[in-house]
């Protein structure tokens, strides 16, 4: 990856949003321990085997958990859809999570 990849990602990523200041000021009473798995919003560990598809697995897992937190229902999404149908990425030869999120948003949540 180019040296400026991450700095450009922050500038151009469509899925990043600023954190509201109220959120950081009110989040002071943290429990001593917190595990999202116990809340039922994380799917089991999956294997990408020898495929360079961490971008697809990370994107699917993030959407699965965000959906579960928002809607109270954990869905097991298909990384394979991202690998096969998202032509902006390179399947097992690597990809970009921003492009994967954009693909999901435009294909499945076009009203978002």
N, C-alpha and C. Protein backbone atom coordinates (compact mmCIF):
# COMPACT_ATOMS: atom_id res chain seq x y z
N UNK A 1 0.83 -1.19 0.00
CA UNK A 1 0.00 0.00 0.00
C UNK A 1 0.88 1.25 0.00
N UNK A 2 0.41 2.29 -0.67
CA UNK A 2 1.17 3.55 -0.66
C UNK A 2 1.26 4.11 0.75
N UNK A 3 2.32 4.87 0.99
CA UNK A 3 2.53 5.43 2.32
C UNK A 3 1.40 6.34 2.78
N UNK A 4 0.76 7.02 1.86
CA UNK A 4 -0.31 7.95 2.24
C UNK A 4 -1.70 7.31 2.25
N UNK A 5 -1.76 5.99 2.17
CA UNK A 5 -3.04 5.28 2.09
C UNK A 5 -3.96 5.66 3.25
N UNK A 6 -3.47 5.55 4.49
CA UNK A 6 -4.34 5.77 5.65
C UNK A 6 -4.73 7.24 5.81
N UNK A 7 -3.83 8.15 5.49
CA UNK A 7 -4.22 9.56 5.59
C UNK A 7 -5.27 9.89 4.53
N UNK A 8 -5.15 9.32 3.35
CA UNK A 8 -6.18 9.54 2.32
C UNK A 8 -7.48 8.84 2.67
N UNK A 9 -7.40 7.71 3.35
CA UNK A 9 -8.60 6.98 3.75
C UNK A 9 -9.48 7.86 4.63
N UNK A 10 -8.88 8.53 5.59
CA UNK A 10 -9.66 9.40 6.48
C UNK A 10 -10.33 10.53 5.70
N UNK A 11 -9.68 11.02 4.66
CA UNK A 11 -10.24 12.13 3.88
C UNK A 11 -11.39 11.69 2.99
N UNK A 12 -11.31 10.47 2.45
CA UNK A 12 -12.23 10.06 1.40
C UNK A 12 -13.17 8.91 1.78
N UNK A 13 -12.98 8.31 2.95
CA UNK A 13 -13.81 7.16 3.32
C UNK A 13 -15.25 7.61 3.54
N UNK A 14 -16.17 6.92 2.91
CA UNK A 14 -17.58 7.30 3.00
C UNK A 14 -18.24 6.75 4.26
N UNK A 15 -17.61 5.81 4.94
CA UNK A 15 -18.24 5.19 6.10
C UNK A 15 -17.79 5.81 7.42
N UNK A 16 -16.82 6.73 7.40
CA UNK A 16 -16.34 7.36 8.63
C UNK A 16 -17.15 8.61 8.92
N UNK A 17 -17.52 8.78 10.16
CA UNK A 17 -18.25 9.96 10.59
C UNK A 17 -17.59 10.51 11.85
N UNK A 18 -17.63 11.82 12.06
CA UNK A 18 -17.08 12.38 13.29
C UNK A 18 -17.86 11.91 14.51
N UNK A 19 -17.18 11.76 15.63
CA UNK A 19 -17.83 11.37 16.89
C UNK A 19 -18.36 12.63 17.55
N UNK A 20 -19.60 12.57 17.98
CA UNK A 20 -20.23 13.68 18.67
C UNK A 20 -19.52 13.92 20.01
N UNK A 21 -19.24 15.16 20.33
CA UNK A 21 -18.56 15.48 21.59
C UNK A 21 -19.34 15.02 22.80
N UNK A 22 -20.67 15.05 22.74
CA UNK A 22 -21.49 14.60 23.87
C UNK A 22 -21.21 13.13 24.18
N UNK A 23 -20.95 12.34 23.15
CA UNK A 23 -20.67 10.92 23.35
C UNK A 23 -19.42 10.73 24.19
N UNK A 24 -18.36 11.43 23.87
CA UNK A 24 -17.10 11.24 24.59
C UNK A 24 -17.17 11.79 26.01
N UNK A 25 -17.99 12.80 26.22
CA UNK A 25 -18.10 13.38 27.56
C UNK A 25 -18.99 12.54 28.47
N UNK A 26 -19.95 11.81 27.93
CA UNK A 26 -20.86 11.05 28.78
C UNK A 26 -20.43 9.61 28.99
N UNK A 27 -19.47 9.13 28.24
CA UNK A 27 -19.05 7.73 28.34
C UNK A 27 -17.95 7.57 29.38
N UNK A 28 -18.24 7.93 30.63
CA UNK A 28 -17.22 7.86 31.68
C UNK A 28 -17.42 6.70 32.63
N UNK A 29 -18.60 6.14 32.74
CA UNK A 29 -18.86 5.05 33.67
C UNK A 29 -18.74 3.71 32.97
N UNK A 30 -17.51 3.32 32.68
CA UNK A 30 -17.27 2.06 31.99
C UNK A 30 -17.34 0.90 32.97
N UNK A 31 -17.97 -0.20 32.57
CA UNK A 31 -17.93 -1.39 33.43
C UNK A 31 -16.51 -1.94 33.46
N UNK A 32 -16.15 -2.67 34.50
CA UNK A 32 -14.79 -3.23 34.57
C UNK A 32 -14.52 -4.25 33.47
N UNK A 33 -15.59 -4.82 32.92
CA UNK A 33 -15.45 -5.84 31.88
C UNK A 33 -16.65 -5.75 30.94
N UNK A 34 -16.40 -5.88 29.65
CA UNK A 34 -17.49 -5.85 28.68
C UNK A 34 -17.09 -6.74 27.51
N UNK A 35 -17.98 -7.62 27.10
CA UNK A 35 -17.69 -8.56 26.01
C UNK A 35 -18.90 -8.61 25.09
N UNK A 36 -18.74 -8.13 23.86
CA UNK A 36 -19.84 -8.11 22.92
C UNK A 36 -20.36 -9.51 22.61
N UNK A 37 -19.51 -10.53 22.72
CA UNK A 37 -19.97 -11.90 22.46
C UNK A 37 -21.08 -12.28 23.44
N UNK A 38 -20.97 -11.83 24.66
CA UNK A 38 -21.99 -12.13 25.67
C UNK A 38 -23.30 -11.39 25.40
N UNK A 39 -23.24 -10.36 24.61
CA UNK A 39 -24.45 -9.60 24.25
C UNK A 39 -25.14 -10.18 23.02
N UNK A 40 -24.52 -11.18 22.40
CA UNK A 40 -25.13 -11.84 21.25
C UNK A 40 -25.10 -11.02 19.97
N UNK A 41 -24.09 -10.18 19.82
CA UNK A 41 -24.02 -9.34 18.63
C UNK A 41 -22.76 -9.59 17.80
N UNK A 42 -22.11 -10.73 18.02
CA UNK A 42 -20.91 -11.09 17.26
C UNK A 42 -21.08 -12.51 16.75
N UNK A 43 -20.86 -12.71 15.46
CA UNK A 43 -20.95 -14.06 14.88
C UNK A 43 -19.69 -14.85 15.23
N UNK A 44 -19.75 -16.18 15.10
CA UNK A 44 -18.56 -16.99 15.39
C UNK A 44 -17.39 -16.65 14.47
N UNK A 45 -16.20 -17.04 14.91
CA UNK A 45 -14.99 -16.84 14.11
C UNK A 45 -15.13 -17.61 12.80
N UNK A 46 -14.70 -16.99 11.72
CA UNK A 46 -14.76 -17.61 10.40
C UNK A 46 -13.34 -17.70 9.84
N UNK A 47 -13.15 -18.59 8.88
CA UNK A 47 -11.82 -18.76 8.29
C UNK A 47 -11.82 -18.28 6.84
N UNK A 48 -10.86 -17.45 6.52
CA UNK A 48 -10.68 -17.04 5.12
C UNK A 48 -9.72 -17.98 4.41
N UNK A 49 -9.19 -18.96 5.13
CA UNK A 49 -8.24 -19.94 4.58
C UNK A 49 -7.07 -19.21 3.92
N UNK A 50 -6.72 -19.59 2.70
CA UNK A 50 -5.57 -18.98 2.02
C UNK A 50 -5.97 -17.83 1.11
N UNK A 51 -7.20 -17.39 1.23
CA UNK A 51 -7.72 -16.31 0.40
C UNK A 51 -7.41 -14.96 1.06
N UNK A 52 -6.88 -14.02 0.30
CA UNK A 52 -6.57 -12.69 0.83
C UNK A 52 -7.81 -11.83 0.93
N UNK A 53 -8.75 -12.27 1.73
CA UNK A 53 -10.07 -11.63 1.79
C UNK A 53 -10.39 -11.03 3.15
N UNK A 54 -9.36 -10.64 3.89
CA UNK A 54 -9.62 -10.06 5.21
C UNK A 54 -10.55 -8.85 5.11
N UNK A 55 -10.44 -8.10 4.02
CA UNK A 55 -11.30 -6.94 3.81
C UNK A 55 -12.77 -7.33 3.78
N UNK A 56 -13.10 -8.47 3.16
CA UNK A 56 -14.49 -8.93 3.07
C UNK A 56 -14.98 -9.45 4.42
N UNK A 57 -14.13 -10.18 5.13
CA UNK A 57 -14.50 -10.71 6.43
C UNK A 57 -14.68 -9.58 7.44
N UNK A 58 -13.79 -8.60 7.41
CA UNK A 58 -13.91 -7.47 8.33
C UNK A 58 -15.16 -6.66 8.05
N UNK A 59 -15.45 -6.43 6.79
CA UNK A 59 -16.64 -5.66 6.42
C UNK A 59 -17.91 -6.39 6.82
N UNK A 60 -18.00 -7.66 6.49
CA UNK A 60 -19.20 -8.44 6.84
C UNK A 60 -19.40 -8.49 8.35
N UNK A 61 -18.33 -8.72 9.10
CA UNK A 61 -18.44 -8.79 10.57
C UNK A 61 -18.89 -7.46 11.16
N UNK A 62 -18.38 -6.38 10.62
CA UNK A 62 -18.77 -5.05 11.11
C UNK A 62 -20.25 -4.78 10.85
N UNK A 63 -20.71 -5.10 9.66
CA UNK A 63 -22.12 -4.89 9.32
C UNK A 63 -23.01 -5.82 10.15
N UNK A 64 -22.60 -7.07 10.33
CA UNK A 64 -23.37 -8.02 11.15
C UNK A 64 -23.58 -7.47 12.55
N UNK A 65 -22.49 -7.03 13.18
CA UNK A 65 -22.58 -6.55 14.56
C UNK A 65 -23.33 -5.23 14.66
N UNK A 66 -23.09 -4.32 13.74
CA UNK A 66 -23.81 -3.04 13.77
C UNK A 66 -25.31 -3.26 13.61
N UNK A 67 -25.68 -4.17 12.73
CA UNK A 67 -27.10 -4.49 12.53
C UNK A 67 -27.69 -5.11 13.80
N UNK A 68 -26.94 -6.01 14.42
CA UNK A 68 -27.43 -6.66 15.64
C UNK A 68 -27.61 -5.66 16.78
N UNK A 69 -26.69 -4.75 16.93
CA UNK A 69 -26.81 -3.73 17.98
C UNK A 69 -28.02 -2.84 17.71
N UNK A 70 -28.22 -2.45 16.46
CA UNK A 70 -29.30 -1.53 16.10
C UNK A 70 -30.67 -2.19 16.09
N UNK A 71 -30.75 -3.47 15.69
CA UNK A 71 -32.05 -4.11 15.46
C UNK A 71 -32.33 -5.31 16.36
N UNK A 72 -31.36 -5.71 17.18
CA UNK A 72 -31.59 -6.82 18.09
C UNK A 72 -31.63 -8.18 17.43
N UNK A 73 -31.13 -8.28 16.21
CA UNK A 73 -31.13 -9.55 15.48
C UNK A 73 -29.76 -9.75 14.84
N UNK A 74 -29.10 -10.84 15.19
CA UNK A 74 -27.79 -11.14 14.62
C UNK A 74 -27.97 -11.95 13.35
N UNK A 75 -27.47 -11.42 12.26
CA UNK A 75 -27.53 -12.11 10.97
C UNK A 75 -26.12 -12.49 10.55
N UNK A 76 -26.00 -13.67 9.99
CA UNK A 76 -24.72 -14.17 9.51
C UNK A 76 -24.62 -13.86 8.02
N UNK A 77 -23.88 -12.82 7.67
CA UNK A 77 -23.80 -12.38 6.28
C UNK A 77 -22.75 -13.17 5.51
N UNK A 78 -22.85 -13.11 4.20
CA UNK A 78 -21.97 -13.87 3.32
C UNK A 78 -20.80 -13.02 2.83
N UNK A 79 -19.61 -13.40 3.24
CA UNK A 79 -18.41 -12.76 2.72
C UNK A 79 -18.26 -13.07 1.23
N UNK A 80 -18.77 -14.24 0.84
CA UNK A 80 -18.64 -14.67 -0.55
C UNK A 80 -19.33 -13.71 -1.51
N UNK A 81 -20.42 -13.09 -1.08
CA UNK A 81 -21.09 -12.10 -1.93
C UNK A 81 -20.14 -10.95 -2.23
N UNK A 82 -19.42 -10.49 -1.21
CA UNK A 82 -18.45 -9.42 -1.44
C UNK A 82 -17.34 -9.87 -2.37
N UNK A 83 -16.87 -11.10 -2.18
CA UNK A 83 -15.78 -11.61 -3.02
C UNK A 83 -16.21 -11.77 -4.47
N UNK A 84 -17.42 -12.26 -4.69
CA UNK A 84 -17.89 -12.56 -6.05
C UNK A 84 -18.53 -11.38 -6.77
N UNK A 85 -19.22 -10.53 -6.03
CA UNK A 85 -20.06 -9.51 -6.67
C UNK A 85 -19.50 -8.09 -6.61
N UNK A 86 -18.58 -7.84 -5.71
CA UNK A 86 -18.03 -6.49 -5.56
C UNK A 86 -16.83 -6.33 -6.50
N UNK A 87 -17.09 -5.89 -7.71
CA UNK A 87 -16.04 -5.81 -8.74
C UNK A 87 -15.05 -4.68 -8.49
N UNK A 88 -15.32 -3.79 -7.54
CA UNK A 88 -14.35 -2.74 -7.20
C UNK A 88 -13.17 -3.28 -6.40
N UNK A 89 -13.31 -4.47 -5.85
CA UNK A 89 -12.23 -5.11 -5.10
C UNK A 89 -11.69 -6.29 -5.88
N UNK A 90 -10.67 -6.93 -5.35
CA UNK A 90 -9.96 -7.97 -6.08
C UNK A 90 -10.12 -9.36 -5.49
N UNK A 91 -11.27 -9.64 -4.91
CA UNK A 91 -11.58 -10.96 -4.35
C UNK A 91 -10.46 -11.45 -3.44
N UNK A 92 -9.89 -12.60 -3.72
CA UNK A 92 -8.85 -13.19 -2.87
C UNK A 92 -7.49 -12.52 -3.03
N UNK A 93 -7.40 -11.58 -3.94
CA UNK A 93 -6.14 -10.85 -4.12
C UNK A 93 -6.14 -9.51 -3.41
N UNK A 94 -7.07 -9.32 -2.50
CA UNK A 94 -7.09 -8.11 -1.68
C UNK A 94 -8.23 -7.18 -2.03
N UNK A 95 -8.49 -6.28 -1.10
CA UNK A 95 -9.57 -5.33 -1.31
C UNK A 95 -9.53 -4.22 -0.30
N UNK A 96 -10.50 -3.36 -0.36
CA UNK A 96 -10.57 -2.16 0.44
C UNK A 96 -11.92 -2.12 1.15
N UNK A 97 -11.90 -1.94 2.47
CA UNK A 97 -13.16 -1.97 3.22
C UNK A 97 -14.07 -0.81 2.84
N UNK A 98 -13.52 0.34 2.49
CA UNK A 98 -14.37 1.45 2.09
C UNK A 98 -15.17 1.10 0.84
N UNK A 99 -14.52 0.47 -0.13
CA UNK A 99 -15.22 0.04 -1.34
C UNK A 99 -16.26 -1.03 -1.01
N UNK A 100 -15.95 -1.90 -0.06
CA UNK A 100 -16.89 -2.95 0.33
C UNK A 100 -18.11 -2.35 1.04
N UNK A 101 -17.89 -1.39 1.95
CA UNK A 101 -19.01 -0.72 2.61
C UNK A 101 -19.86 0.03 1.59
N UNK A 102 -19.21 0.69 0.65
CA UNK A 102 -19.94 1.42 -0.39
C UNK A 102 -20.79 0.47 -1.22
N UNK A 103 -20.23 -0.70 -1.55
CA UNK A 103 -20.97 -1.71 -2.30
C UNK A 103 -22.22 -2.15 -1.53
N UNK A 104 -22.07 -2.44 -0.25
CA UNK A 104 -23.21 -2.88 0.56
C UNK A 104 -24.25 -1.76 0.64
N UNK A 105 -23.79 -0.55 0.89
CA UNK A 105 -24.72 0.56 1.04
C UNK A 105 -25.50 0.81 -0.25
N UNK A 106 -24.84 0.81 -1.38
CA UNK A 106 -25.54 1.11 -2.63
C UNK A 106 -26.38 -0.05 -3.13
N UNK A 107 -25.95 -1.27 -2.82
CA UNK A 107 -26.70 -2.42 -3.33
C UNK A 107 -27.85 -2.84 -2.41
N UNK A 108 -27.63 -2.74 -1.11
CA UNK A 108 -28.62 -3.26 -0.16
C UNK A 108 -29.31 -2.19 0.66
N UNK A 109 -28.67 -1.04 0.85
CA UNK A 109 -29.27 0.05 1.61
C UNK A 109 -29.16 1.34 0.82
N UNK A 110 -29.74 1.35 -0.35
CA UNK A 110 -29.60 2.51 -1.23
C UNK A 110 -30.26 3.76 -0.66
N UNK A 111 -31.14 3.60 0.32
CA UNK A 111 -31.79 4.76 0.94
C UNK A 111 -30.97 5.31 2.10
N UNK A 112 -29.78 4.72 2.38
CA UNK A 112 -28.95 5.18 3.50
C UNK A 112 -28.11 6.36 3.10
